[in-house]
Amino acid sequence: MRTRNLLIGLLLVSLLFAGVVSFYASGSPDGLEKVSEDHGISAQAEDHALDDSPLADYGVKGVENPRLSGGLAGIVGVGVTFVLASTVIALTRFRRGPRSRAHE
């Protein structure tokens, strides 16, 4: 299997999970959040500087449907991560110079 096909497949699966399956994730606190609640640490929490950002709290600001809001936020997150990772990989390859065709 070619690397490009593998990456496209992984991207599509990631988008599917972020956009659809993420809605079915548990609403219960995760392990770290549970421990912070049990030990009173969460009571000391303050609002984050980016609490009013467009993607705050695992949703898209202005989208009223929670399923759609969460799905869109997940898709945007996957997209941003993919672009950043692709940029890092491209810059790394560029700095190494021409690569050998023997490994393809």
N, C-alpha and C. Protein backbone atom coordinates (compact mmCIF):
# COMPACT_ATOMS: atom_id res chain seq x y z
N MET A 1 0.84 -1.18 0.00
CA MET A 1 0.00 0.00 0.00
C MET A 1 0.89 1.24 0.00
N ARG A 2 0.55 2.17 -0.84
CA ARG A 2 1.33 3.40 -0.90
C ARG A 2 1.06 4.27 0.32
N THR A 3 2.04 5.04 0.70
CA THR A 3 1.93 5.91 1.86
C THR A 3 0.80 6.92 1.69
N ARG A 4 0.67 7.47 0.50
CA ARG A 4 -0.38 8.47 0.26
C ARG A 4 -1.76 7.86 0.48
N ASN A 5 -2.00 6.66 -0.03
CA ASN A 5 -3.29 6.01 0.16
C ASN A 5 -3.57 5.73 1.63
N LEU A 6 -2.54 5.32 2.35
CA LEU A 6 -2.68 5.06 3.78
C LEU A 6 -3.05 6.35 4.52
N LEU A 7 -2.37 7.44 4.20
CA LEU A 7 -2.66 8.71 4.86
C LEU A 7 -4.06 9.21 4.55
N ILE A 8 -4.50 9.06 3.32
CA ILE A 8 -5.85 9.46 2.95
C ILE A 8 -6.87 8.62 3.71
N GLY A 9 -6.63 7.33 3.80
CA GLY A 9 -7.52 6.45 4.55
C GLY A 9 -7.58 6.82 6.02
N LEU A 10 -6.43 7.09 6.61
CA LEU A 10 -6.39 7.48 8.02
C LEU A 10 -7.10 8.82 8.25
N LEU A 11 -6.92 9.74 7.30
CA LEU A 11 -7.60 11.03 7.41
C LEU A 11 -9.11 10.85 7.35
N LEU A 12 -9.58 10.03 6.43
CA LEU A 12 -11.02 9.81 6.31
C LEU A 12 -11.61 9.14 7.55
N VAL A 13 -10.90 8.15 8.09
CA VAL A 13 -11.37 7.48 9.32
C VAL A 13 -11.38 8.48 10.48
N SER A 14 -10.35 9.31 10.57
CA SER A 14 -10.28 10.32 11.63
C SER A 14 -11.43 11.31 11.53
N LEU A 15 -11.73 11.75 10.30
CA LEU A 15 -12.85 12.66 10.10
C LEU A 15 -14.17 12.01 10.48
N LEU A 16 -14.33 10.74 10.15
CA LEU A 16 -15.54 10.01 10.51
C LEU A 16 -15.69 9.94 12.03
N PHE A 17 -14.63 9.56 12.71
CA PHE A 17 -14.69 9.47 14.16
C PHE A 17 -14.93 10.84 14.79
N ALA A 18 -14.24 11.85 14.30
CA ALA A 18 -14.40 13.19 14.87
C ALA A 18 -15.78 13.76 14.60
N GLY A 19 -16.29 13.52 13.42
CA GLY A 19 -17.57 14.11 13.05
C GLY A 19 -18.79 13.36 13.50
N VAL A 20 -18.70 12.05 13.62
CA VAL A 20 -19.90 11.24 13.91
C VAL A 20 -19.77 10.50 15.23
N VAL A 21 -18.75 9.71 15.36
CA VAL A 21 -18.62 8.82 16.51
C VAL A 21 -18.37 9.59 17.81
N SER A 22 -17.73 10.76 17.71
CA SER A 22 -17.41 11.52 18.92
C SER A 22 -18.66 11.93 19.70
N PHE A 23 -19.80 12.04 19.01
CA PHE A 23 -21.03 12.41 19.70
C PHE A 23 -21.44 11.35 20.73
N TYR A 24 -21.06 10.12 20.49
CA TYR A 24 -21.45 9.03 21.37
C TYR A 24 -20.46 8.81 22.52
N ALA A 25 -19.45 9.65 22.61
CA ALA A 25 -18.48 9.53 23.71
C ALA A 25 -19.19 9.84 25.03
N SER A 26 -18.67 9.30 26.08
CA SER A 26 -19.27 9.47 27.40
C SER A 26 -19.24 10.93 27.83
N GLY A 27 -20.32 11.37 28.45
CA GLY A 27 -20.38 12.71 29.01
C GLY A 27 -19.82 12.74 30.43
N SER A 28 -19.48 11.59 30.96
CA SER A 28 -18.91 11.52 32.30
C SER A 28 -17.48 12.05 32.29
N PRO A 29 -17.03 12.56 33.45
CA PRO A 29 -15.66 13.07 33.49
C PRO A 29 -14.63 11.98 33.23
N ASP A 30 -13.52 12.37 32.60
CA ASP A 30 -12.44 11.40 32.39
C ASP A 30 -11.67 11.23 33.70
N GLY A 31 -10.65 10.40 33.69
CA GLY A 31 -9.91 10.07 34.91
C GLY A 31 -9.31 11.28 35.61
N LEU A 32 -8.65 12.13 34.85
CA LEU A 32 -8.00 13.31 35.43
C LEU A 32 -9.04 14.27 36.02
N GLU A 33 -10.12 14.47 35.29
CA GLU A 33 -11.17 15.35 35.78
C GLU A 33 -11.82 14.78 37.03
N LYS A 34 -12.03 13.48 37.07
CA LYS A 34 -12.63 12.82 38.24
C LYS A 34 -11.76 12.98 39.48
N VAL A 35 -10.47 12.78 39.32
CA VAL A 35 -9.54 12.91 40.45
C VAL A 35 -9.53 14.36 40.95
N SER A 36 -9.54 15.32 40.01
CA SER A 36 -9.53 16.73 40.43
C SER A 36 -10.81 17.09 41.16
N GLU A 37 -11.95 16.49 40.77
CA GLU A 37 -13.20 16.73 41.48
C GLU A 37 -13.16 16.07 42.86
N ASP A 38 -12.66 14.84 42.94
CA ASP A 38 -12.61 14.12 44.21
C ASP A 38 -11.73 14.80 45.25
N HIS A 39 -10.68 15.47 44.80
CA HIS A 39 -9.73 16.09 45.72
C HIS A 39 -9.91 17.60 45.84
N GLY A 40 -10.99 18.14 45.27
CA GLY A 40 -11.30 19.56 45.41
C GLY A 40 -10.46 20.48 44.56
N ILE A 41 -9.67 19.92 43.66
CA ILE A 41 -8.81 20.75 42.82
C ILE A 41 -9.65 21.53 41.80
N SER A 42 -10.68 20.91 41.29
CA SER A 42 -11.50 21.57 40.26
C SER A 42 -12.25 22.78 40.81
N ALA A 43 -12.47 22.84 42.12
CA ALA A 43 -13.15 23.98 42.72
C ALA A 43 -12.30 25.25 42.61
N GLN A 44 -11.00 25.07 42.46
CA GLN A 44 -10.09 26.21 42.35
C GLN A 44 -9.88 26.65 40.91
N ALA A 45 -10.51 25.96 39.98
CA ALA A 45 -10.31 26.27 38.56
C ALA A 45 -10.87 27.64 38.22
N GLU A 46 -10.19 28.31 37.31
CA GLU A 46 -10.62 29.61 36.82
C GLU A 46 -10.94 29.50 35.34
N ASP A 47 -11.71 30.43 34.84
CA ASP A 47 -12.03 30.45 33.41
C ASP A 47 -10.75 30.63 32.61
N HIS A 48 -10.70 29.95 31.50
CA HIS A 48 -9.55 30.04 30.60
C HIS A 48 -9.67 31.30 29.76
N ALA A 49 -8.56 31.85 29.34
CA ALA A 49 -8.56 33.06 28.53
C ALA A 49 -9.27 32.86 27.19
N LEU A 50 -9.33 31.62 26.72
CA LEU A 50 -9.95 31.34 25.42
C LEU A 50 -11.33 30.71 25.56
N ASP A 51 -11.98 30.90 26.70
CA ASP A 51 -13.31 30.32 26.93
C ASP A 51 -14.37 30.80 25.93
N ASP A 52 -14.15 31.97 25.38
CA ASP A 52 -15.13 32.50 24.43
C ASP A 52 -14.68 32.32 22.97
N SER A 53 -13.71 31.46 22.75
CA SER A 53 -13.21 31.22 21.39
C SER A 53 -14.24 30.43 20.58
N PRO A 54 -14.14 30.45 19.26
CA PRO A 54 -15.13 29.78 18.42
C PRO A 54 -15.24 28.26 18.64
N LEU A 55 -14.19 27.62 19.16
CA LEU A 55 -14.22 26.17 19.35
C LEU A 55 -14.13 25.76 20.83
N ALA A 56 -14.51 26.65 21.72
CA ALA A 56 -14.41 26.36 23.15
C ALA A 56 -15.41 25.28 23.55
N ASP A 57 -15.04 24.50 24.53
CA ASP A 57 -15.91 23.49 25.16
C ASP A 57 -16.39 22.42 24.17
N TYR A 58 -15.50 22.00 23.27
CA TYR A 58 -15.77 20.91 22.34
C TYR A 58 -16.97 21.16 21.44
N GLY A 59 -17.16 22.38 21.04
CA GLY A 59 -18.27 22.72 20.16
C GLY A 59 -17.92 23.94 19.32
N VAL A 60 -18.79 24.25 18.37
CA VAL A 60 -18.61 25.42 17.52
C VAL A 60 -19.59 26.49 17.98
N LYS A 61 -19.04 27.65 18.32
CA LYS A 61 -19.86 28.75 18.81
C LYS A 61 -20.89 29.15 17.74
N GLY A 62 -22.12 29.32 18.16
CA GLY A 62 -23.18 29.75 17.25
C GLY A 62 -23.96 28.61 16.64
N VAL A 63 -23.50 27.37 16.78
CA VAL A 63 -24.24 26.22 16.26
C VAL A 63 -25.02 25.63 17.43
N GLU A 64 -26.34 25.71 17.36
CA GLU A 64 -27.19 25.32 18.49
C GLU A 64 -27.34 23.80 18.65
N ASN A 65 -27.30 23.06 17.57
CA ASN A 65 -27.45 21.61 17.63
C ASN A 65 -26.18 21.00 18.23
N PRO A 66 -26.25 20.36 19.41
CA PRO A 66 -25.04 19.86 20.06
C PRO A 66 -24.32 18.79 19.23
N ARG A 67 -25.07 17.95 18.54
CA ARG A 67 -24.45 16.90 17.72
C ARG A 67 -23.66 17.54 16.57
N LEU A 68 -24.26 18.48 15.89
CA LEU A 68 -23.60 19.16 14.77
C LEU A 68 -22.43 20.01 15.26
N SER A 69 -22.63 20.70 16.37
CA SER A 69 -21.58 21.56 16.93
C SER A 69 -20.34 20.76 17.32
N GLY A 70 -20.56 19.65 18.02
CA GLY A 70 -19.43 18.79 18.42
C GLY A 70 -18.75 18.14 17.24
N GLY A 71 -19.55 17.68 16.29
CA GLY A 71 -18.99 17.06 15.09
C GLY A 71 -18.15 18.03 14.28
N LEU A 72 -18.66 19.25 14.11
CA LEU A 72 -17.90 20.26 13.36
C LEU A 72 -16.60 20.62 14.08
N ALA A 73 -16.66 20.73 15.39
CA ALA A 73 -15.45 21.03 16.16
C ALA A 73 -14.42 19.92 15.99
N GLY A 74 -14.88 18.68 16.00
CA GLY A 74 -13.97 17.56 15.79
C GLY A 74 -13.35 17.56 14.41
N ILE A 75 -14.16 17.86 13.40
CA ILE A 75 -13.65 17.91 12.03
C ILE A 75 -12.63 19.04 11.87
N VAL A 76 -12.92 20.20 12.44
CA VAL A 76 -11.96 21.31 12.38
C VAL A 76 -10.67 20.92 13.09
N GLY A 77 -10.78 20.26 14.24
CA GLY A 77 -9.59 19.82 14.98
C GLY A 77 -8.74 18.85 14.18
N VAL A 78 -9.39 17.88 13.54
CA VAL A 78 -8.66 16.92 12.71
C VAL A 78 -7.99 17.65 11.54
N GLY A 79 -8.72 18.57 10.92
CA GLY A 79 -8.17 19.31 9.79
C GLY A 79 -6.96 20.14 10.17
N VAL A 80 -7.05 20.85 11.29
CA VAL A 80 -5.92 21.68 11.74
C VAL A 80 -4.73 20.79 12.09
N THR A 81 -4.98 19.69 12.77
CA THR A 81 -3.90 18.78 13.13
C THR A 81 -3.24 18.20 11.88
N PHE A 82 -4.05 17.83 10.89
CA PHE A 82 -3.53 17.27 9.65
C PHE A 82 -2.67 18.30 8.91
N VAL A 83 -3.13 19.53 8.83
CA VAL A 83 -2.36 20.58 8.14
C VAL A 83 -1.04 20.84 8.87
N LEU A 84 -1.09 20.94 10.19
CA LEU A 84 0.13 21.18 10.95
C LEU A 84 1.13 20.02 10.81
N ALA A 85 0.64 18.80 10.91
CA ALA A 85 1.52 17.64 10.78
C ALA A 85 2.09 17.56 9.37
N SER A 86 1.28 17.84 8.36
CA SER A 86 1.76 17.82 6.98
C SER A 86 2.83 18.88 6.76
N THR A 87 2.64 20.05 7.36
CA THR A 87 3.62 21.13 7.24
C THR A 87 4.95 20.73 7.88
N VAL A 88 4.88 20.15 9.07
CA VAL A 88 6.11 19.71 9.74
C VAL A 88 6.83 18.65 8.91
N ILE A 89 6.08 17.71 8.38
CA ILE A 89 6.68 16.65 7.56
C ILE A 89 7.30 17.24 6.30
N ALA A 90 6.59 18.16 5.65
CA ALA A 90 7.11 18.78 4.42
C ALA A 90 8.38 19.58 4.71
N LEU A 91 8.39 20.31 5.81
CA LEU A 91 9.59 21.08 6.16
C LEU A 91 10.76 20.17 6.50
N THR A 92 10.47 19.07 7.16
CA THR A 92 11.52 18.11 7.50
C THR A 92 12.10 17.49 6.24
N ARG A 93 11.25 17.11 5.31
CA ARG A 93 11.72 16.54 4.05
C ARG A 93 12.52 17.55 3.25
N PHE A 94 12.06 18.80 3.24
CA PHE A 94 12.73 19.86 2.50
C PHE A 94 14.14 20.09 3.04
N ARG A 95 14.28 20.06 4.35
CA ARG A 95 15.58 20.30 4.97
C ARG A 95 16.55 19.15 4.73
N ARG A 96 16.02 17.93 4.54
CA ARG A 96 16.89 16.78 4.28
C ARG A 96 17.41 16.76 2.86
N GLY A 97 16.74 17.44 1.97
CA GLY A 97 17.16 17.46 0.58
C GLY A 97 16.49 16.37 -0.21
N PRO A 98 16.94 16.15 -1.46
CA PRO A 98 16.32 15.12 -2.30
C PRO A 98 16.43 13.75 -1.64
N ARG A 99 15.35 12.99 -1.75
CA ARG A 99 15.37 11.66 -1.14
C ARG A 99 15.56 10.60 -2.21
N SER A 100 15.98 9.48 -1.76
CA SER A 100 16.23 8.36 -2.65
C SER A 100 14.91 7.75 -3.10
N ARG A 101 14.80 7.37 -4.35
CA ARG A 101 13.60 6.72 -4.86
C ARG A 101 13.58 5.23 -4.56
N ALA A 102 14.63 4.69 -4.00
CA ALA A 102 14.74 3.26 -3.74
C ALA A 102 13.75 2.80 -2.66
N HIS A 103 13.28 3.72 -1.81
CA HIS A 103 12.42 3.34 -0.69
C HIS A 103 10.95 3.44 -1.02
N GLU A 104 10.58 3.86 -2.20
CA GLU A 104 9.16 4.00 -2.54
C GLU A 104 8.57 2.72 -3.03
